[in-house]
Amino acid sequence: MTKKKKIVLITVPVLAVFIAAIVLTTVYFCTMNEALDYVEIPVKRLDSRFTSTVDNTGSYLGHPDLVLADDDTLLCAYPAGHGKGDIIMQKSSDYGDTWENVSATLPDSWEKSQETPTLYNLHFKDGSSKLLLVSGCPSWSEDDEYYANGFNCSVSSDNGMTWSEFENFYGIEWANSQPTKTEDTDISDPYSPNYDENGKVLPYDVIVSMSSLTQLKQNGEYIDAWMGTFHDYDFYNYTSILTFDENGNPQWSQPKKFLHDQREIESKADICEIEIVRAAAPNDDTLILIGRGNSRETNSLISISKDEGETWSEFRELPYALTGDRHKAEYDASTGKVLISFRLVIPGVKRNIFDNSNFTGGYWVAWVGTFEDLISFAENGNKTDKLGEALIVLGETNDGKADCGYSGTICKDGEFVLVSYGKFSKGAKNPYIMQAKFRLSDVL
């Protein structure tokens, strides 16, 4: 007996859905934008043998910084969460080959930190040094337990073995001690604090404090003073000068809106997370500023100062090869090259037609060039032919999202150690802390 063949009827609605799925899938892939395609210089990928995991607990870990103490100890600090959370610290005594969690030894006041910590090694004229950790205290949302409270500062005088408890600067206690606004108050003064509707001084709402900390010179010689930078939610950028009193206690000067004369471009671009680095000799009288353009209406921006940050040149846009977030620069004296680690972000470009964001990224990268290249950008903009030597891809997120790339960056004897965060492995559900350790000759 012959079996009857089944006849499968595809209804019109089902067919329409099937066709629509094919069309939408085609449109999705045809409108995909790859951030690296916009980079104007050669792109190199760091081989995986030069990377390793510092910390991966499965929970969200992000926004690390890194410092090299005078005894060659590496210290890496980051929050247990997105920006806010208990500070975690890792220690390496073998320049990043192995890491040890030393969080149990940290001060109690480092718990429930409000923002990503930053780390610096300060060298004084008398030959001594101190390590510094700073953590901002921004308000996150109206119903959040965190609120604007200036910034916290902690110091170590023994290469990170012990740390002082947090000391707060320009927070609520300071604001309550300040006089209220009067008719004679000059709110246009760059040093003027912010006021509420009743004329009461507000604490500083500090974000990424200190995104950079640059030792200053006087008459060509280094002095025991450092210029720190941070920004607030209105994208005003501030400097505060760090000095120490006779007892070795940190003193921070009244914050100053230091881009006051360039407020138009500062506001349009929402410049923030500024990095300031001093060029190497013979250009060591030049400070180079690189800022994130958070509005995504411009590329990242650059400016230079030849008077220790008192005045800054007109901002110029950087090429795509240097456009992104949270730039951290480190000089390699053995090659004369400067490496700038950052999160690559191409503004004004959707990842695909269905994407709601106005940028594309997903990469932790490092630009390699010279200080002369950077000065040329600042003086000539993108018209210069010195765009850098290469862009190194250090990590790629598994979902293409730009939640990565904040990093600490160290170079010793020509060998770089960098730490950052991201979902860099295929199965990662949350960002974790990854290290890249290499020489430029390993990549270029």
Protein backbone atom coordinates (compact mmCIF):
# COMPACT_ATOMS: atom_id res chain seq x y z
CA MET A 1 0.00 0.00 0.00
CA THR A 2 1.46 3.36 -1.00
CA LYS A 3 1.67 6.04 1.70
CA LYS A 4 0.19 9.39 0.95
CA LYS A 5 2.62 12.30 0.93
CA LYS A 6 2.01 15.01 3.51
CA ILE A 7 1.48 18.45 2.08
CA VAL A 8 2.71 21.25 4.34
CA LEU A 9 0.94 24.50 3.73
CA ILE A 10 2.74 27.67 4.72
CA THR A 11 0.21 30.30 5.59
CA VAL A 12 0.64 33.88 4.42
CA PRO A 13 1.38 35.27 7.95
CA VAL A 14 4.07 32.65 8.56
CA LEU A 15 5.62 33.32 5.17
CA ALA A 16 5.57 37.06 5.83
CA VAL A 17 7.36 36.59 9.15
CA PHE A 18 9.93 34.35 7.49
CA ILE A 19 10.62 36.88 4.73
CA ALA A 20 10.77 39.74 7.23
CA ALA A 21 13.30 37.83 9.33
CA ILE A 22 15.50 37.30 6.28
CA VAL A 23 15.25 40.97 5.30
CA LEU A 24 15.99 42.25 8.81
CA THR A 25 18.92 39.88 9.21
CA THR A 26 20.31 41.01 5.87
CA VAL A 27 19.88 44.68 6.80
CA TYR A 28 21.52 44.05 10.19
CA PHE A 29 24.66 42.52 8.70
CA CYS A 30 24.82 44.93 5.75
CA THR A 31 24.75 47.95 8.09
CA MET A 32 27.32 46.64 10.59
CA ASN A 33 30.14 49.07 11.31
CA GLU A 34 33.53 47.89 12.52
CA ALA A 35 35.33 50.46 14.68
CA LEU A 36 38.79 49.36 13.57
CA ASP A 37 37.92 50.09 9.92
CA TYR A 38 37.98 53.81 10.74
CA VAL A 39 41.51 53.79 12.17
CA GLU A 40 43.94 55.66 9.93
CA ILE A 41 47.16 53.85 10.93
CA PRO A 42 48.21 50.17 10.90
CA VAL A 43 46.29 48.01 13.37
CA LYS A 44 48.19 45.28 15.21
CA ARG A 45 46.73 42.64 17.53
CA LEU A 46 48.56 41.62 20.69
CA ASP A 47 49.07 37.86 20.76
CA SER A 48 47.19 36.14 23.60
CA ARG A 49 50.46 34.81 25.06
CA PHE A 50 51.13 38.36 26.27
CA THR A 51 47.85 38.60 28.20
CA SER A 52 46.70 37.04 31.47
CA THR A 53 43.86 37.29 33.97
CA VAL A 54 44.42 39.29 37.17
CA ASP A 55 40.97 38.76 38.72
CA ASN A 56 37.82 37.05 37.48
CA THR A 57 35.25 36.28 40.16
CA GLY A 58 32.28 36.13 37.80
CA SER A 59 30.82 39.33 39.25
CA TYR A 60 31.29 42.78 37.69
CA LEU A 61 34.87 44.05 38.07
CA GLY A 62 36.03 47.20 36.35
CA HIS A 63 37.97 50.47 36.10
CA PRO A 64 41.41 49.48 37.47
CA ASP A 65 44.48 51.63 37.91
CA LEU A 66 48.10 50.59 38.39
CA VAL A 67 51.20 51.99 40.08
CA LEU A 68 54.83 50.87 40.38
CA ALA A 69 56.31 51.45 43.84
CA ASP A 70 59.98 52.25 44.37
CA ASP A 71 60.68 48.68 45.52
CA ASP A 72 59.35 47.44 42.13
CA THR A 73 56.06 46.26 43.63
CA LEU A 74 53.09 46.63 41.29
CA LEU A 75 49.79 47.59 42.91
CA CYS A 76 46.48 47.39 41.07
CA ALA A 77 43.28 48.86 42.56
CA TYR A 78 39.69 48.70 41.31
CA PRO A 79 36.12 48.76 42.68
CA ALA A 80 33.96 45.69 43.23
CA GLY A 81 31.30 47.00 40.87
CA HIS A 82 30.72 49.54 38.12
CA GLY A 83 32.64 52.55 39.45
CA LYS A 84 31.35 52.25 43.01
CA GLY A 85 32.00 49.45 45.49
CA ASP A 86 34.61 48.18 47.94
CA ILE A 87 38.14 48.82 46.68
CA ILE A 88 40.02 45.64 45.78
CA MET A 89 43.82 45.68 45.63
CA GLN A 90 46.14 43.19 43.94
CA LYS A 91 49.91 43.12 44.51
CA SER A 92 52.65 41.73 42.28
CA SER A 93 56.28 41.36 43.37
CA ASP A 94 57.43 39.93 40.02
CA TYR A 95 56.29 42.66 37.62
CA GLY A 96 52.95 41.10 36.79
CA ASP A 97 53.91 37.44 36.46
CA THR A 98 51.77 36.59 39.50
CA TRP A 99 49.24 38.57 41.56
CA GLU A 100 48.16 38.37 45.20
CA ASN A 101 44.93 39.82 46.59
CA VAL A 102 45.82 42.05 49.57
CA SER A 103 42.38 43.58 50.11
CA ALA A 104 42.20 42.24 53.68
CA THR A 105 44.99 44.66 54.70
CA LEU A 106 43.29 47.81 53.35
CA PRO A 107 41.85 50.63 55.51
CA ASP A 108 38.23 50.28 56.62
CA SER A 109 37.37 53.59 54.97
CA TRP A 110 38.08 52.11 51.54
CA GLU A 111 34.91 50.04 51.82
CA LYS A 112 31.94 51.29 49.83
CA SER A 113 34.12 53.63 47.77
CA GLN A 114 31.97 55.88 45.58
CA GLU A 115 34.11 55.83 42.47
CA THR A 116 36.96 54.32 40.53
CA PRO A 117 40.28 54.79 42.42
CA THR A 118 43.37 56.32 40.83
CA LEU A 119 46.96 55.53 41.88
CA TYR A 120 50.18 57.56 41.68
CA ASN A 121 53.81 57.41 42.85
CA LEU A 122 55.01 60.84 43.98
CA HIS A 123 58.74 61.59 44.02
CA PHE A 124 59.94 64.50 46.14
CA LYS A 125 62.98 66.71 45.73
CA ASP A 126 64.61 65.25 48.85
CA GLY A 127 64.60 61.77 47.30
CA SER A 128 61.65 60.40 49.27
CA SER A 129 58.40 59.14 47.77
CA LYS A 130 54.78 58.46 48.64
CA LEU A 131 52.05 56.43 46.98
CA LEU A 132 48.69 58.14 46.58
CA LEU A 133 45.20 56.70 46.07
CA VAL A 134 42.33 59.06 45.26
CA SER A 135 38.65 58.20 44.92
CA GLY A 136 35.94 60.66 43.87
CA CYS A 137 32.59 60.98 45.62
CA PRO A 138 29.99 61.77 42.93
CA SER A 139 26.22 61.56 43.23
CA TRP A 140 24.96 58.62 41.21
CA SER A 141 21.18 59.20 41.26
CA GLU A 142 18.57 60.91 43.42
CA ASP A 143 17.51 57.69 45.14
CA ASP A 144 21.04 56.31 45.55
CA GLU A 145 22.90 56.00 48.85
CA TYR A 146 25.86 57.80 47.31
CA TYR A 147 25.91 61.60 47.13
CA ALA A 148 28.21 64.44 46.09
CA ASN A 149 30.99 64.65 48.66
CA GLY A 150 34.19 65.94 47.03
CA PHE A 151 36.95 63.32 46.91
CA ASN A 152 38.82 61.01 49.27
CA CYS A 153 42.60 60.71 49.49
CA SER A 154 44.86 58.07 51.07
CA VAL A 155 48.67 57.97 51.34
CA SER A 156 51.31 55.26 51.77
CA SER A 157 54.90 55.96 52.79
CA ASP A 158 56.06 52.31 52.73
CA ASN A 159 55.52 51.26 49.10
CA GLY A 160 51.91 50.25 49.70
CA MET A 161 52.41 48.00 52.72
CA THR A 162 50.12 50.26 54.76
CA TRP A 163 47.78 53.11 53.86
CA SER A 164 46.23 56.00 55.75
CA GLU A 165 42.46 56.13 56.20
CA PHE A 166 40.60 58.24 53.67
CA GLU A 167 40.70 62.00 54.21
CA ASN A 168 37.90 63.93 52.53
CA PHE A 169 38.45 67.13 50.57
CA TYR A 170 35.85 69.63 49.30
CA GLY A 171 32.92 67.51 50.43
CA ILE A 172 29.91 68.19 52.64
CA GLU A 173 31.88 69.18 55.74
CA TRP A 174 33.90 71.70 53.73
CA ALA A 175 30.77 73.07 52.00
CA ASN A 176 29.02 73.62 55.33
CA SER A 177 31.96 75.72 56.51
CA GLN A 178 31.81 78.14 53.57
CA PRO A 179 29.99 81.50 53.51
CA THR A 180 26.76 81.76 51.52
CA LYS A 181 26.55 83.67 48.25
CA THR A 182 25.98 87.43 48.42
CA GLU A 183 25.34 90.13 45.84
CA ASP A 184 29.09 90.73 45.70
CA THR A 185 29.95 87.10 44.98
CA ASP A 186 31.65 86.71 41.59
CA ILE A 187 30.34 83.37 40.32
CA SER A 188 32.32 83.85 37.07
CA ASP A 189 35.56 83.43 39.01
CA PRO A 190 37.13 80.07 37.94
CA TYR A 191 37.68 79.34 41.65
CA SER A 192 34.05 80.02 42.56
CA PRO A 193 32.27 76.99 44.06
CA ASN A 194 28.77 75.94 43.05
CA TYR A 195 25.73 77.18 44.99
CA ASP A 196 22.19 75.90 45.55
CA GLU A 197 19.06 78.03 45.03
CA ASN A 198 19.46 79.45 48.55
CA GLY A 199 23.05 80.55 47.97
CA LYS A 200 24.54 77.75 50.05
CA VAL A 201 27.86 76.30 48.86
CA LEU A 202 27.55 72.80 47.42
CA PRO A 203 30.16 70.07 47.80
CA TYR A 204 32.06 69.28 44.62
CA ASP A 205 30.47 66.49 42.57
CA VAL A 206 33.74 64.82 41.62
CA ILE A 207 34.00 62.27 38.79
CA VAL A 208 37.22 60.34 38.01
CA SER A 209 39.42 62.04 40.54
CA MET A 210 42.30 62.45 39.73
CA SER A 211 42.13 61.40 36.08
CA SER A 212 45.66 62.78 35.79
CA LEU A 213 48.24 64.03 38.30
CA THR A 214 51.20 65.88 36.85
CA GLN A 215 54.28 67.05 38.75
CA LEU A 216 54.90 70.73 38.12
CA LYS A 217 58.08 72.65 37.38
CA GLN A 218 59.29 76.08 38.41
CA ASN A 219 62.12 77.76 36.54
CA GLY A 220 62.72 74.50 34.71
CA GLU A 221 63.09 72.40 37.88
CA TYR A 222 60.59 69.98 39.41
CA ILE A 223 58.91 71.14 42.62
CA ASP A 224 56.93 69.24 45.25
CA ALA A 225 53.57 70.14 43.72
CA TRP A 226 51.25 68.13 41.47
CA MET A 227 48.34 69.27 39.31
CA GLY A 228 45.32 66.95 39.51
CA THR A 229 42.24 66.97 37.28
CA PHE A 230 38.60 65.90 37.60
CA HIS A 231 35.19 66.80 36.12
CA ASP A 232 31.56 67.06 37.25
CA TYR A 233 28.18 66.24 35.72
CA ASP A 234 28.03 69.62 33.96
CA PHE A 235 31.32 68.70 32.28
CA TYR A 236 33.30 71.45 33.91
CA ASN A 237 36.91 70.32 34.27
CA TYR A 238 38.86 71.32 37.35
CA THR A 239 42.44 71.38 38.54
CA SER A 240 43.51 71.10 42.17
CA ILE A 241 47.16 71.43 43.21
CA LEU A 242 48.51 68.82 45.62
CA THR A 243 51.22 69.79 48.12
CA PHE A 244 52.21 68.44 51.55
CA ASP A 245 52.57 70.29 54.84
CA GLU A 246 55.57 70.05 57.20
CA ASN A 247 54.08 66.92 58.77
CA GLY A 248 53.72 65.15 55.43
CA ASN A 249 49.95 65.56 55.22
CA PRO A 250 48.34 66.13 51.79
CA GLN A 251 46.93 69.57 50.99
CA TRP A 252 44.72 70.17 47.95
CA SER A 253 44.13 73.68 46.63
CA GLN A 254 40.68 75.11 45.92
CA PRO A 255 39.47 73.47 42.68
CA LYS A 256 39.65 75.71 39.62
CA LYS A 257 37.62 75.51 36.40
CA PHE A 258 40.75 75.52 34.30
CA LEU A 259 39.13 75.46 30.85
CA HIS A 260 37.06 78.51 31.73
CA ASP A 261 38.27 80.37 28.62
CA GLN A 262 37.33 77.46 26.36
CA ARG A 263 33.93 76.73 27.84
CA GLU A 264 32.16 76.67 24.46
CA ILE A 265 34.06 73.64 23.13
CA GLU A 266 34.30 72.09 26.61
CA SER A 267 30.49 72.16 26.82
CA LYS A 268 29.82 71.11 23.22
CA ALA A 269 32.13 68.11 23.39
CA ASP A 270 31.45 67.31 27.07
CA ILE A 271 35.20 67.04 27.61
CA CYS A 272 36.06 64.81 30.55
CA GLU A 273 38.45 62.17 31.95
CA ILE A 274 41.37 64.35 31.00
CA GLU A 275 44.90 62.95 30.74
CA ILE A 276 47.81 65.39 31.05
CA VAL A 277 51.30 64.12 30.32
CA ARG A 278 54.62 65.95 30.13
CA ALA A 279 56.54 65.48 26.90
CA ALA A 280 60.06 64.08 27.05
CA ALA A 281 63.15 66.25 26.48
CA PRO A 282 63.75 68.40 24.51
CA ASN A 283 60.04 69.24 24.72
CA ASP A 284 59.70 68.74 28.47
CA ASP A 285 58.41 72.28 28.89
CA THR A 286 55.24 71.13 27.12
CA LEU A 287 52.23 69.59 28.85
CA ILE A 288 49.91 67.61 26.55
CA LEU A 289 46.21 67.33 27.37
CA ILE A 290 43.92 64.69 25.84
CA GLY A 291 40.21 64.69 26.66
CA ARG A 292 37.29 62.36 26.05
CA GLY A 293 34.46 63.86 23.95
CA ASN A 294 31.52 62.40 25.85
CA SER A 295 28.82 64.05 23.71
CA ARG A 296 30.05 61.96 20.76
CA GLU A 297 29.74 65.07 18.60
CA THR A 298 33.50 65.33 18.18
CA ASN A 299 36.56 63.12 18.18
CA SER A 300 38.74 63.20 21.28
CA LEU A 301 40.47 66.54 21.72
CA ILE A 302 44.01 67.70 22.36
CA SER A 303 45.64 70.87 23.67
CA ILE A 304 49.08 71.85 24.93
CA SER A 305 50.43 74.20 27.59
CA LYS A 306 53.89 75.72 27.79
CA ASP A 307 53.34 77.54 31.09
CA GLU A 308 52.70 74.65 33.49
CA GLY A 309 48.97 74.55 32.86
CA GLU A 310 48.21 78.23 33.34
CA THR A 311 46.95 78.57 29.75
CA TRP A 312 46.08 76.05 27.05
CA SER A 313 46.14 76.15 23.27
CA GLU A 314 42.98 75.99 21.17
CA PHE A 315 41.52 72.48 21.21
CA ARG A 316 42.02 70.34 18.11
CA GLU A 317 40.29 67.10 17.21
CA LEU A 318 42.39 63.96 17.20
CA PRO A 319 42.25 61.30 14.47
CA TYR A 320 40.11 58.19 15.01
CA ALA A 321 43.28 56.33 15.97
CA LEU A 322 43.31 58.32 19.22
CA THR A 323 39.58 58.82 19.77
CA GLY A 324 37.93 57.23 22.76
CA ASP A 325 37.75 57.29 26.53
CA ARG A 326 40.10 57.42 29.52
CA HIS A 327 43.47 57.93 27.86
CA LYS A 328 46.52 56.90 29.91
CA ALA A 329 49.98 57.73 28.53
CA GLU A 330 53.33 56.14 29.36
CA TYR A 331 56.74 56.91 27.88
CA ASP A 332 59.22 54.22 26.82
CA ALA A 333 62.65 55.84 27.15
CA SER A 334 64.34 52.84 25.50
CA THR A 335 62.56 53.44 22.19
CA GLY A 336 61.59 57.11 22.45
CA LYS A 337 57.95 56.10 21.89
CA VAL A 338 54.88 56.99 23.90
CA LEU A 339 52.05 54.49 24.37
CA ILE A 340 48.51 55.69 25.11
CA SER A 341 46.02 53.13 26.37
CA PHE A 342 42.30 53.87 26.01
CA ARG A 343 38.86 52.59 25.06
CA LEU A 344 38.37 52.99 21.31
CA VAL A 345 35.13 54.84 20.48
CA ILE A 346 34.19 56.04 17.00
CA PRO A 347 31.62 58.86 17.46
CA GLY A 348 28.59 59.43 15.27
CA VAL A 349 28.66 55.87 13.91
CA LYS A 350 26.04 53.27 14.84
CA ARG A 351 27.17 49.66 15.21
CA ASN A 352 24.21 48.80 12.97
CA ILE A 353 20.96 50.41 11.84
CA PHE A 354 19.07 49.09 14.87
CA ASP A 355 21.53 50.41 17.46
CA ASN A 356 20.27 53.27 19.65
CA SER A 357 23.75 54.57 20.50
CA ASN A 358 25.58 57.15 18.40
CA PHE A 359 28.99 55.51 18.56
CA THR A 360 30.71 52.18 18.02
CA GLY A 361 33.58 50.56 19.88
CA GLY A 362 34.23 47.40 21.86
CA TYR A 363 38.05 47.50 21.98
CA TRP A 364 40.76 48.17 24.52
CA VAL A 365 43.60 49.61 22.45
CA ALA A 366 46.98 51.34 22.70
CA TRP A 367 48.19 54.02 20.30
CA VAL A 368 51.96 54.09 19.70
CA GLY A 369 53.74 57.18 18.42
CA THR A 370 55.92 60.02 19.65
CA PHE A 371 55.45 63.16 21.69
CA GLU A 372 56.28 65.07 18.52
CA ASP A 373 53.27 63.42 16.85
CA LEU A 374 51.03 64.58 19.68
CA ILE A 375 52.39 68.13 19.62
CA SER A 376 51.82 68.17 15.85
CA PHE A 377 48.17 67.15 16.41
CA ALA A 378 47.76 70.01 18.87
CA GLU A 379 49.32 72.53 16.50
CA ASN A 380 47.89 71.33 13.18
CA GLY A 381 44.90 69.12 13.96
CA ASN A 382 44.24 66.15 11.69
CA LYS A 383 46.00 67.93 8.82
CA THR A 384 49.31 66.58 10.06
CA ASP A 385 50.74 63.51 8.34
CA LYS A 386 52.13 62.23 11.67
CA LEU A 387 49.23 60.07 12.81
CA GLY A 388 51.31 57.61 14.81
CA GLU A 389 53.06 54.30 14.20
CA ALA A 390 50.31 51.80 15.02
CA LEU A 391 47.24 51.02 17.06
CA ILE A 392 47.54 47.84 19.14
CA VAL A 393 44.37 45.89 19.98
CA LEU A 394 44.86 44.65 23.53
CA GLY A 395 41.37 43.27 24.14
CA GLU A 396 38.00 42.93 22.38
CA THR A 397 34.68 42.64 24.20
CA ASN A 398 32.60 39.59 23.36
CA ASP A 399 29.43 41.65 22.85
CA GLY A 400 30.89 44.60 20.95
CA LYS A 401 29.88 47.03 23.69
CA ALA A 402 32.18 49.80 24.85
CA ASP A 403 32.41 48.76 28.50
CA CYS A 404 36.15 48.26 28.75
CA GLY A 405 39.46 50.02 28.37
CA TYR A 406 39.97 52.07 31.54
CA SER A 407 43.47 51.07 32.44
CA GLY A 408 46.61 51.46 34.47
CA THR A 409 49.79 51.76 32.40
CA ILE A 410 53.41 51.23 33.48
CA CYS A 411 56.70 50.94 31.56
CA LYS A 412 59.96 49.76 33.12
CA ASP A 413 63.13 49.17 31.09
CA GLY A 414 61.13 48.99 27.86
CA GLU A 415 58.55 46.46 29.12
CA PHE A 416 54.95 47.57 29.47
CA VAL A 417 52.45 46.26 31.98
CA LEU A 418 48.85 47.37 31.52
CA VAL A 419 45.70 46.29 33.33
CA SER A 420 42.15 46.90 32.16
CA TYR A 421 38.66 45.45 32.39
CA GLY A 422 36.19 43.99 29.93
CA LYS A 423 34.36 40.88 28.77
CA PHE A 424 37.40 39.81 26.81
CA SER A 425 36.78 36.05 26.70
CA LYS A 426 34.04 34.26 24.76
CA GLY A 427 31.97 33.06 27.71
CA ALA A 428 32.39 36.03 30.06
CA LYS A 429 29.07 37.41 31.32
CA ASN A 430 30.66 40.24 33.33
CA PRO A 431 33.83 42.30 32.85
CA TYR A 432 36.96 41.05 34.61
CA ILE A 433 40.50 42.39 35.15
CA MET A 434 43.03 41.47 32.46
CA GLN A 435 46.73 42.24 32.10
CA ALA A 436 48.80 42.87 28.99
CA LYS A 437 52.58 42.58 29.40
CA PHE A 438 54.84 43.14 26.39
CA ARG A 439 57.60 45.10 24.68
CA LEU A 440 56.87 47.15 21.60
CA SER A 441 59.17 44.83 19.65
CA ASP A 442 56.79 41.96 20.49
CA VAL A 443 54.02 43.63 18.50
CA LEU A 444 55.42 46.11 15.99
